[in-house]
N, C-alpha and C. Protein backbone atom coordinates (compact mmCIF):
# COMPACT_ATOMS: atom_id res chain seq x y z
N MET A 1 -24.01 3.40 12.49
CA MET A 1 -23.81 2.00 12.30
C MET A 1 -23.26 1.23 13.56
N GLY A 2 -23.59 0.13 13.66
CA GLY A 2 -23.21 -0.73 15.04
C GLY A 2 -21.84 -1.35 14.17
N ILE A 3 -21.19 -2.06 15.16
CA ILE A 3 -19.85 -2.95 14.89
C ILE A 3 -20.27 -4.04 13.85
N ILE A 4 -21.48 -4.54 14.13
CA ILE A 4 -21.71 -5.90 12.88
C ILE A 4 -21.81 -5.30 11.47
N SER A 5 -22.49 -3.90 11.43
CA SER A 5 -22.65 -3.19 10.47
C SER A 5 -21.44 -3.02 9.72
N TRP A 6 -20.36 -2.42 10.53
CA TRP A 6 -18.98 -2.19 10.01
C TRP A 6 -18.29 -3.31 9.73
N ILE A 7 -18.53 -4.47 10.42
CA ILE A 7 -17.76 -5.95 9.55
C ILE A 7 -18.25 -6.12 8.65
N VAL A 8 -19.98 -6.12 8.30
CA VAL A 8 -20.18 -6.72 7.02
C VAL A 8 -19.70 -5.34 5.74
N LEU A 9 -19.92 -4.25 6.29
CA LEU A 9 -19.43 -3.15 5.32
C LEU A 9 -18.00 -3.61 4.63
N GLY A 10 -17.26 -3.62 5.87
CA GLY A 10 -15.67 -3.91 5.52
C GLY A 10 -15.54 -5.30 4.53
N LEU A 11 -16.36 -6.35 4.89
CA LEU A 11 -16.37 -7.68 4.06
C LEU A 11 -16.78 -7.16 2.88
N LEU A 12 -17.53 -6.77 2.63
CA LEU A 12 -18.24 -6.44 1.16
C LEU A 12 -17.32 -5.51 0.54
N ALA A 13 -16.63 -4.38 1.33
CA ALA A 13 -16.05 -3.39 0.47
C ALA A 13 -14.64 -4.21 -0.02
N GLY A 14 -14.01 -5.22 0.76
CA GLY A 14 -13.00 -5.91 0.68
C GLY A 14 -13.00 -6.80 -0.57
N VAL A 15 -14.47 -7.40 -0.47
CA VAL A 15 -14.39 -8.28 -2.00
C VAL A 15 -14.57 -7.57 -2.98
N VAL A 16 -15.32 -6.22 -2.91
CA VAL A 16 -15.60 -5.57 -4.15
C VAL A 16 -14.10 -5.10 -4.66
N ALA A 17 -13.41 -4.79 -3.93
CA ALA A 17 -11.87 -4.40 -3.92
C ALA A 17 -10.66 -5.26 -4.50
N LYS A 18 -11.00 -6.83 -4.29
CA LYS A 18 -10.33 -7.73 -4.69
C LYS A 18 -10.84 -7.84 -6.01
N ILE A 19 -12.18 -7.73 -6.21
CA ILE A 19 -12.59 -7.94 -7.68
C ILE A 19 -11.68 -6.93 -8.70
N LEU A 20 -11.89 -5.86 -8.12
CA LEU A 20 -11.52 -4.89 -9.17
C LEU A 20 -9.94 -4.95 -8.99
N LEU A 21 -9.24 -5.39 -8.35
CA LEU A 21 -7.90 -5.81 -8.34
C LEU A 21 -7.62 -7.02 -8.09
N PRO A 22 -7.78 -7.66 -9.47
CA PRO A 22 -7.64 -9.40 -8.89
C PRO A 22 -6.05 -9.28 -8.85
N GLY A 23 -5.43 -10.51 -7.95
CA GLY A 23 -4.23 -11.01 -7.85
C GLY A 23 -4.05 -11.77 -6.68
N ARG A 24 -2.58 -12.27 -6.47
CA ARG A 24 -2.29 -13.00 -5.30
C ARG A 24 -2.28 -11.93 -4.08
N ASP A 25 -3.33 -12.08 -2.97
CA ASP A 25 -3.42 -10.93 -1.93
C ASP A 25 -3.31 -12.23 -0.86
N PRO A 26 -3.15 -11.47 0.56
CA PRO A 26 -3.40 -12.46 1.47
C PRO A 26 -4.75 -12.31 1.65
N GLY A 27 -5.32 -13.45 2.14
CA GLY A 27 -6.51 -13.11 2.25
C GLY A 27 -7.23 -14.20 3.14
N GLY A 28 -8.27 -14.88 2.27
CA GLY A 28 -9.37 -15.59 2.92
C GLY A 28 -10.45 -14.64 3.45
N LEU A 29 -11.39 -14.89 4.04
CA LEU A 29 -12.32 -14.32 4.28
C LEU A 29 -11.91 -13.31 5.60
N ILE A 30 -11.14 -13.70 6.62
CA ILE A 30 -10.66 -12.87 7.80
C ILE A 30 -9.86 -11.73 6.92
N GLY A 31 -8.98 -12.07 5.94
CA GLY A 31 -8.15 -11.00 5.41
C GLY A 31 -8.90 -10.15 4.80
N THR A 32 -9.70 -10.50 4.07
CA THR A 32 -10.59 -9.51 3.08
C THR A 32 -11.12 -8.65 4.10
N THR A 33 -11.87 -9.22 5.11
CA THR A 33 -12.54 -8.28 6.07
C THR A 33 -12.01 -7.25 6.52
N LEU A 34 -10.75 -7.73 7.12
CA LEU A 34 -9.67 -6.80 7.85
C LEU A 34 -9.56 -6.19 6.84
N ILE A 35 -9.14 -6.18 5.55
CA ILE A 35 -8.49 -4.85 4.60
C ILE A 35 -9.64 -4.17 4.14
N GLY A 36 -11.07 -4.79 4.12
CA GLY A 36 -12.28 -3.86 3.90
C GLY A 36 -12.57 -3.02 5.16
N VAL A 37 -12.53 -3.33 6.17
CA VAL A 37 -12.76 -2.51 7.31
C VAL A 37 -11.73 -1.71 7.43
N ALA A 38 -10.51 -1.73 7.67
CA ALA A 38 -9.33 -0.92 7.58
C ALA A 38 -9.47 0.08 6.33
N GLY A 39 -9.91 -0.29 5.39
CA GLY A 39 -10.12 0.50 4.00
C GLY A 39 -11.48 1.50 4.30
N ALA A 40 -12.36 0.87 5.28
CA ALA A 40 -13.63 1.82 5.27
C ALA A 40 -13.17 2.79 6.25
N PHE A 41 -12.35 2.79 6.95
CA PHE A 41 -12.03 3.84 8.10
C PHE A 41 -11.05 4.98 7.14
N ILE A 42 -9.93 4.27 6.54
CA ILE A 42 -9.23 4.98 5.68
C ILE A 42 -9.98 5.97 4.62
N GLY A 43 -10.70 5.34 4.12
CA GLY A 43 -11.34 5.94 3.25
C GLY A 43 -12.67 7.08 3.54
N GLY A 44 -13.15 6.67 4.95
CA GLY A 44 -13.96 7.49 5.26
C GLY A 44 -13.06 9.53 6.29
N TRP A 45 -12.10 8.52 6.59
CA TRP A 45 -10.65 9.85 6.66
C TRP A 45 -10.66 10.46 5.83
N ILE A 46 -10.05 9.93 4.42
CA ILE A 46 -9.93 10.75 3.70
C ILE A 46 -11.20 11.38 2.90
N SER A 47 -12.34 10.96 3.16
CA SER A 47 -13.57 11.66 2.35
C SER A 47 -13.59 12.74 3.30
N ALA A 48 -13.63 12.69 4.50
CA ALA A 48 -14.06 13.90 5.60
C ALA A 48 -12.62 14.76 5.47
N ARG A 49 -11.45 14.61 5.45
CA ARG A 49 -10.48 15.27 5.70
C ARG A 49 -10.24 16.23 4.24
N TRP A 50 -9.99 15.77 3.22
CA TRP A 50 -9.57 16.35 2.10
C TRP A 50 -10.80 16.46 1.01
N LEU A 51 -11.76 15.88 1.24
CA LEU A 51 -12.94 16.23 0.11
C LEU A 51 -14.31 16.41 0.47
N ASP A 52 -14.19 16.94 1.84
CA ASP A 52 -15.02 18.07 2.77
C ASP A 52 -16.47 17.22 2.51
N HIS A 53 -16.44 15.83 2.71
CA HIS A 53 -17.74 15.24 2.67
C HIS A 53 -17.64 14.04 3.94
N PRO A 54 -18.19 14.52 5.07
CA PRO A 54 -18.26 13.52 5.96
C PRO A 54 -18.95 12.34 5.84
N ILE A 55 -18.50 11.23 6.05
CA ILE A 55 -19.52 9.83 6.14
C ILE A 55 -20.72 9.70 7.04
N SER A 56 -21.58 9.35 6.13
CA SER A 56 -22.82 9.44 6.97
C SER A 56 -23.22 7.99 7.86
N LYS A 57 -23.72 7.95 8.82
CA LYS A 57 -23.78 6.98 9.74
C LYS A 57 -24.85 5.78 9.10
N ASP A 58 -25.28 6.02 8.02
CA ASP A 58 -26.71 5.22 7.20
C ASP A 58 -25.40 4.04 6.62
N PHE A 59 -26.19 2.87 7.02
CA PHE A 59 -25.53 1.94 5.89
C PHE A 59 -25.53 1.96 4.49
N TYR A 60 -26.54 2.56 4.01
CA TYR A 60 -26.79 2.11 2.65
C TYR A 60 -26.75 3.82 1.84
N ASP A 61 -25.91 4.43 2.65
CA ASP A 61 -25.31 5.55 1.88
C ASP A 61 -24.33 5.34 0.88
N GLY A 62 -24.25 5.76 -0.62
CA GLY A 62 -23.37 5.44 -1.33
C GLY A 62 -22.18 6.06 -1.07
N ALA A 63 -21.96 7.44 -0.73
CA ALA A 63 -20.64 7.83 -0.52
C ALA A 63 -19.90 6.93 0.88
N THR A 64 -20.55 6.21 1.54
CA THR A 64 -20.00 5.29 2.79
C THR A 64 -19.42 4.13 2.16
N TRP A 65 -20.00 3.65 0.84
CA TRP A 65 -20.12 2.64 0.42
C TRP A 65 -18.43 2.88 -0.67
N ALA A 66 -18.68 4.20 -1.65
CA ALA A 66 -17.39 4.32 -2.19
C ALA A 66 -16.53 4.77 -1.44
N ALA A 67 -16.35 5.24 -0.52
CA ALA A 67 -15.40 5.35 0.53
C ALA A 67 -14.57 4.34 1.13
N ALA A 68 -15.48 3.33 1.28
CA ALA A 68 -14.78 2.13 2.16
C ALA A 68 -14.34 1.17 1.01
N ILE A 69 -14.55 1.05 -0.35
CA ILE A 69 -14.15 0.51 -1.42
C ILE A 69 -12.78 0.95 -1.96
N GLY A 70 -12.78 2.27 -2.07
CA GLY A 70 -11.88 3.30 -2.48
C GLY A 70 -10.87 3.09 -1.51
N GLY A 71 -10.89 2.95 0.06
CA GLY A 71 -9.93 2.79 1.27
C GLY A 71 -9.25 1.74 0.93
N ALA A 72 -10.12 0.52 0.75
CA ALA A 72 -9.65 -0.94 0.52
C ALA A 72 -8.93 -1.12 -0.73
N LEU A 73 -9.25 -0.30 -1.88
CA LEU A 73 -8.34 -0.17 -2.99
C LEU A 73 -6.67 0.26 -2.62
N VAL A 74 -7.12 1.26 -1.97
CA VAL A 74 -5.75 1.74 -1.37
C VAL A 74 -4.94 1.17 -0.54
N LEU A 75 -5.39 0.31 0.24
CA LEU A 75 -4.61 -0.72 0.94
C LEU A 75 -4.33 -1.78 -0.05
N LEU A 76 -4.86 -2.52 -0.64
CA LEU A 76 -4.40 -3.24 -1.52
C LEU A 76 -3.38 -2.90 -2.39
N VAL A 77 -3.62 -1.75 -2.91
CA VAL A 77 -2.34 -1.22 -3.64
C VAL A 77 -1.16 -0.98 -2.87
N LEU A 78 -1.41 -0.35 -2.12
CA LEU A 78 0.00 -0.36 -1.12
C LEU A 78 0.61 -1.61 -0.52
N TYR A 79 -0.07 -2.90 -0.43
CA TYR A 79 0.29 -3.92 -0.12
C TYR A 79 1.13 -4.62 -1.08
N ARG A 80 0.74 -4.03 -2.53
CA ARG A 80 1.23 -4.69 -3.57
C ARG A 80 2.61 -4.04 -3.63
N ILE A 81 2.56 -2.69 -3.30
CA ILE A 81 3.80 -1.61 -3.49
C ILE A 81 5.03 -2.40 -2.73
N ILE A 82 4.53 -2.77 -1.04
CA ILE A 82 5.34 -3.26 -0.11
C ILE A 82 5.84 -4.44 -0.13
N PHE A 83 4.87 -5.35 -0.33
CA PHE A 83 4.86 -6.84 -0.41
C PHE A 83 5.14 -7.62 -1.70
N GLY A 84 5.21 -6.86 -3.04
CA GLY A 84 4.84 -7.22 -4.06
C GLY A 84 5.26 -8.65 -4.67
N HIS A 85 6.29 -8.83 -4.34
CA HIS A 85 6.46 -10.44 -4.97
C HIS A 85 6.94 -11.49 -3.57
N SER A 86 6.72 -11.18 -2.48
CA SER A 86 7.16 -11.94 -1.42
C SER A 86 6.45 -13.08 -1.18
N ARG A 87 5.49 -13.42 -1.59
CA ARG A 87 4.75 -14.66 -1.70
C ARG A 87 5.23 -15.77 -2.80
N SER A 88 5.43 -16.69 -2.25
CA SER A 88 5.83 -17.99 -3.35
C SER A 88 4.62 -18.59 -4.14
N ARG A 89 4.83 -19.10 -5.39
CA ARG A 89 4.10 -19.21 -6.39
C ARG A 89 3.95 -20.75 -6.39
């Protein structure tokens, strides 16, 4: 996958993660993309390290998408634990 594919995957994974965990998070398009791309890398690392399932370089691989969304969910949960009530309402 090229860099554009990783960005698109990250954007979509971040959007899905925010849909699954609604709430007040940092965001906008750039924040969602960054969370998703970082989540894709974290999810891929977790999948390869502990689940013994290396991530395919194919954009349409279901395991790649699951790892990216799972990693983005982990990042959102960690953000909420660390910075839970720091945003003004």
